[in-house]
Amino acid sequence: MARKPTLSYSTGLGADGKPKRPAGDYYLATTADLMQFYCFDEPAEQGSEGKWTLIDQLDRGRLMAAGDKATAKTWAKRLGLRSWTYVRV
């Protein structure tokens, strides 16, 4: 299965004026000792909670990857999550 693309809402530019490359992929996970990952399609706009499920493995073919923490945080809020952690790969 092909990986889903990494998305970033950040418009940060590097010293050369080009968009910065993501430092890694960020995934949303539960804060439990045995982490599970939030599986969802790109969340809708602010104010409408998205639908998600929990999966037990970090499956890059199913999970949405954020290019930075700010994008992952935006998704968590749009999904209506109250607690989460970031897993960077």
N, C-alpha and C. Protein backbone atom coordinates (compact mmCIF):
# COMPACT_ATOMS: atom_id res chain seq x y z
N MET A 1 0.84 -1.17 0.00
CA MET A 1 0.00 0.00 0.00
C MET A 1 0.89 1.24 0.00
N ALA A 2 0.57 2.21 -0.81
CA ALA A 2 1.35 3.44 -0.90
C ALA A 2 1.12 4.33 0.31
N ARG A 3 2.16 5.07 0.67
CA ARG A 3 2.05 6.02 1.78
C ARG A 3 1.17 7.20 1.40
N LYS A 4 0.45 7.71 2.38
CA LYS A 4 -0.30 8.95 2.16
C LYS A 4 0.71 10.09 2.15
N PRO A 5 0.40 11.17 1.45
CA PRO A 5 1.35 12.29 1.40
C PRO A 5 1.43 13.02 2.75
N THR A 6 2.55 13.67 2.98
CA THR A 6 2.72 14.51 4.16
C THR A 6 2.17 15.89 3.85
N LEU A 7 1.29 16.39 4.71
CA LEU A 7 0.69 17.70 4.50
C LEU A 7 1.17 18.67 5.57
N SER A 8 1.32 19.93 5.17
CA SER A 8 1.71 20.97 6.10
C SER A 8 1.00 22.26 5.74
N TYR A 9 0.45 22.92 6.74
CA TYR A 9 -0.20 24.21 6.52
C TYR A 9 0.78 25.36 6.75
N SER A 10 2.00 25.04 7.14
CA SER A 10 3.01 26.05 7.43
C SER A 10 3.46 26.72 6.14
N THR A 11 3.61 28.02 6.21
CA THR A 11 4.08 28.77 5.04
C THR A 11 5.48 29.31 5.28
N GLY A 12 6.21 28.69 6.22
CA GLY A 12 7.55 29.16 6.55
C GLY A 12 8.51 29.02 5.38
N LEU A 13 9.35 30.04 5.21
CA LEU A 13 10.33 30.03 4.14
C LEU A 13 11.73 29.97 4.75
N GLY A 14 12.63 29.30 4.05
CA GLY A 14 14.01 29.22 4.48
C GLY A 14 14.77 30.48 4.10
N ALA A 15 16.07 30.51 4.41
CA ALA A 15 16.91 31.68 4.10
C ALA A 15 16.99 31.94 2.60
N ASP A 16 16.82 30.88 1.80
CA ASP A 16 16.88 31.05 0.34
C ASP A 16 15.55 31.47 -0.27
N GLY A 17 14.52 31.66 0.56
CA GLY A 17 13.22 32.09 0.07
C GLY A 17 12.31 30.96 -0.39
N LYS A 18 12.80 29.74 -0.33
CA LYS A 18 12.00 28.58 -0.74
C LYS A 18 11.32 27.99 0.49
N PRO A 19 10.19 27.30 0.30
CA PRO A 19 9.51 26.67 1.44
C PRO A 19 10.43 25.68 2.15
N LYS A 20 10.37 25.68 3.49
CA LYS A 20 11.17 24.75 4.28
C LYS A 20 10.67 23.32 4.07
N ARG A 21 11.61 22.39 4.01
CA ARG A 21 11.25 20.97 3.94
C ARG A 21 10.84 20.50 5.31
N PRO A 22 9.84 19.62 5.38
CA PRO A 22 9.46 19.08 6.69
C PRO A 22 10.62 18.35 7.35
N ALA A 23 10.75 18.50 8.67
CA ALA A 23 11.82 17.84 9.43
C ALA A 23 11.51 16.37 9.66
N GLY A 24 10.29 15.97 9.40
CA GLY A 24 9.86 14.60 9.60
C GLY A 24 8.36 14.53 9.47
N ASP A 25 7.83 13.37 9.65
CA ASP A 25 6.38 13.19 9.62
C ASP A 25 5.88 13.12 11.05
N TYR A 26 4.81 13.85 11.35
CA TYR A 26 4.20 13.84 12.68
C TYR A 26 2.86 13.12 12.61
N TYR A 27 2.65 12.18 13.53
CA TYR A 27 1.41 11.43 13.62
C TYR A 27 0.78 11.69 14.98
N LEU A 28 -0.55 11.71 15.03
CA LEU A 28 -1.27 11.91 16.28
C LEU A 28 -1.51 10.55 16.95
N ALA A 29 -1.22 10.49 18.24
CA ALA A 29 -1.38 9.24 18.99
C ALA A 29 -1.99 9.53 20.35
N THR A 30 -2.49 8.47 20.99
CA THR A 30 -3.05 8.59 22.34
C THR A 30 -1.91 8.80 23.34
N THR A 31 -2.26 9.24 24.52
CA THR A 31 -1.25 9.47 25.56
C THR A 31 -1.09 8.29 26.51
N ALA A 32 -1.74 7.17 26.24
CA ALA A 32 -1.64 5.98 27.09
C ALA A 32 -0.24 5.36 26.99
N ASP A 33 0.11 4.52 27.96
CA ASP A 33 1.41 3.85 27.93
C ASP A 33 1.55 2.98 26.67
N LEU A 34 0.48 2.34 26.26
CA LEU A 34 0.45 1.57 25.03
C LEU A 34 -0.27 2.43 24.00
N MET A 35 0.49 3.15 23.19
CA MET A 35 -0.08 4.13 22.27
C MET A 35 -0.90 3.49 21.16
N GLN A 36 -1.95 4.19 20.79
CA GLN A 36 -2.71 3.88 19.60
C GLN A 36 -2.69 5.14 18.74
N PHE A 37 -2.94 4.99 17.45
CA PHE A 37 -2.83 6.11 16.53
C PHE A 37 -4.20 6.50 15.99
N TYR A 38 -4.40 7.81 15.83
CA TYR A 38 -5.65 8.33 15.29
C TYR A 38 -5.62 8.23 13.77
N CYS A 39 -6.56 7.49 13.23
CA CYS A 39 -6.67 7.27 11.78
C CYS A 39 -7.85 8.10 11.27
N PHE A 40 -7.60 8.96 10.30
CA PHE A 40 -8.64 9.86 9.78
C PHE A 40 -8.25 10.35 8.39
N ASP A 41 -9.24 10.88 7.67
CA ASP A 41 -8.96 11.61 6.44
C ASP A 41 -8.71 13.04 6.87
N GLU A 42 -8.22 13.88 5.99
CA GLU A 42 -7.92 15.26 6.38
C GLU A 42 -9.13 15.90 7.04
N PRO A 43 -8.97 16.43 8.26
CA PRO A 43 -10.11 17.00 8.98
C PRO A 43 -10.75 18.17 8.25
N ALA A 44 -12.04 18.31 8.46
CA ALA A 44 -12.80 19.41 7.88
C ALA A 44 -12.35 20.72 8.52
N GLU A 45 -12.95 21.80 8.09
CA GLU A 45 -12.60 23.11 8.63
C GLU A 45 -12.90 23.21 10.12
N GLN A 46 -12.32 24.22 10.73
CA GLN A 46 -12.49 24.47 12.16
C GLN A 46 -13.97 24.51 12.54
N GLY A 47 -14.31 23.89 13.66
CA GLY A 47 -15.68 23.93 14.15
C GLY A 47 -16.51 22.71 13.82
N SER A 48 -16.06 21.88 12.89
CA SER A 48 -16.82 20.67 12.58
C SER A 48 -15.94 19.47 12.92
N GLU A 49 -16.29 18.75 13.98
CA GLU A 49 -15.48 17.63 14.42
C GLU A 49 -15.45 16.53 13.36
N GLY A 50 -14.26 16.03 13.08
CA GLY A 50 -14.11 14.98 12.09
C GLY A 50 -14.30 13.60 12.69
N LYS A 51 -14.38 12.62 11.84
CA LYS A 51 -14.52 11.24 12.28
C LYS A 51 -13.15 10.59 12.26
N TRP A 52 -12.86 9.79 13.28
CA TRP A 52 -11.59 9.10 13.38
C TRP A 52 -11.78 7.75 14.05
N THR A 53 -10.82 6.88 13.87
CA THR A 53 -10.77 5.60 14.55
C THR A 53 -9.37 5.43 15.13
N LEU A 54 -9.23 4.51 16.06
CA LEU A 54 -7.92 4.21 16.62
C LEU A 54 -7.39 2.92 16.01
N ILE A 55 -6.11 2.92 15.66
CA ILE A 55 -5.47 1.70 15.18
C ILE A 55 -4.25 1.43 16.06
N ASP A 56 -3.82 0.18 16.11
CA ASP A 56 -2.77 -0.24 17.04
C ASP A 56 -1.35 -0.09 16.52
N GLN A 57 -1.19 0.10 15.21
CA GLN A 57 0.15 0.18 14.64
C GLN A 57 0.30 1.46 13.83
N LEU A 58 1.53 1.95 13.75
CA LEU A 58 1.80 3.10 12.92
C LEU A 58 1.88 2.61 11.47
N ASP A 59 0.77 2.68 10.77
CA ASP A 59 0.66 2.22 9.39
C ASP A 59 0.65 3.45 8.48
N ARG A 60 1.79 3.74 7.85
CA ARG A 60 1.91 4.94 7.03
C ARG A 60 1.02 4.93 5.80
N GLY A 61 0.51 3.78 5.44
CA GLY A 61 -0.42 3.69 4.32
C GLY A 61 -1.82 4.14 4.69
N ARG A 62 -2.14 4.14 5.99
CA ARG A 62 -3.48 4.51 6.46
C ARG A 62 -3.52 5.84 7.19
N LEU A 63 -2.41 6.22 7.81
CA LEU A 63 -2.40 7.40 8.66
C LEU A 63 -2.04 8.66 7.89
N MET A 64 -2.61 9.78 8.31
CA MET A 64 -2.33 11.09 7.76
C MET A 64 -1.07 11.63 8.44
N ALA A 65 -0.08 12.06 7.69
CA ALA A 65 1.16 12.59 8.24
C ALA A 65 1.17 14.11 8.11
N ALA A 66 1.48 14.78 9.21
CA ALA A 66 1.63 16.24 9.20
C ALA A 66 3.10 16.57 9.03
N GLY A 67 3.40 17.63 8.33
CA GLY A 67 4.78 18.04 8.09
C GLY A 67 5.39 18.81 9.24
N ASP A 68 4.55 19.25 10.20
CA ASP A 68 5.06 19.98 11.35
C ASP A 68 4.06 19.88 12.50
N LYS A 69 4.52 20.26 13.71
CA LYS A 69 3.68 20.15 14.90
C LYS A 69 2.45 21.05 14.80
N ALA A 70 2.61 22.22 14.21
CA ALA A 70 1.48 23.16 14.12
C ALA A 70 0.34 22.57 13.31
N THR A 71 0.66 21.89 12.22
CA THR A 71 -0.37 21.25 11.40
C THR A 71 -1.04 20.12 12.17
N ALA A 72 -0.24 19.30 12.86
CA ALA A 72 -0.79 18.20 13.66
C ALA A 72 -1.71 18.74 14.76
N LYS A 73 -1.32 19.84 15.39
CA LYS A 73 -2.15 20.43 16.43
C LYS A 73 -3.46 20.95 15.86
N THR A 74 -3.41 21.55 14.69
CA THR A 74 -4.63 22.03 14.02
C THR A 74 -5.57 20.87 13.75
N TRP A 75 -5.03 19.75 13.26
CA TRP A 75 -5.85 18.57 13.00
C TRP A 75 -6.48 18.05 14.29
N ALA A 76 -5.69 17.98 15.37
CA ALA A 76 -6.21 17.46 16.64
C ALA A 76 -7.40 18.31 17.11
N LYS A 77 -7.27 19.61 17.00
CA LYS A 77 -8.37 20.50 17.40
C LYS A 77 -9.58 20.31 16.51
N ARG A 78 -9.36 20.17 15.21
CA ARG A 78 -10.48 19.97 14.28
C ARG A 78 -11.18 18.65 14.51
N LEU A 79 -10.42 17.65 14.97
CA LEU A 79 -11.00 16.34 15.26
C LEU A 79 -11.71 16.32 16.61
N GLY A 80 -11.54 17.37 17.40
CA GLY A 80 -12.17 17.43 18.72
C GLY A 80 -11.45 16.65 19.79
N LEU A 81 -10.15 16.37 19.57
CA LEU A 81 -9.38 15.61 20.56
C LEU A 81 -9.06 16.50 21.75
N ARG A 82 -9.13 15.92 22.94
CA ARG A 82 -8.82 16.67 24.15
C ARG A 82 -7.40 16.40 24.64
N SER A 83 -6.89 15.23 24.35
CA SER A 83 -5.50 14.92 24.70
C SER A 83 -4.91 14.06 23.58
N TRP A 84 -3.67 14.32 23.27
CA TRP A 84 -2.95 13.59 22.22
C TRP A 84 -1.47 13.83 22.40
N THR A 85 -0.68 13.08 21.70
CA THR A 85 0.76 13.32 21.65
C THR A 85 1.19 13.21 20.19
N TYR A 86 2.36 13.75 19.90
CA TYR A 86 2.91 13.68 18.55
C TYR A 86 3.94 12.56 18.50
N VAL A 87 3.95 11.82 17.42
CA VAL A 87 5.01 10.84 17.19
C VAL A 87 5.69 11.27 15.89
N ARG A 88 6.98 11.59 16.00
CA ARG A 88 7.72 12.05 14.82
C ARG A 88 8.55 10.90 14.25
N VAL A 89 8.43 10.72 12.96
CA VAL A 89 9.17 9.65 12.27
C VAL A 89 10.04 10.29 11.21
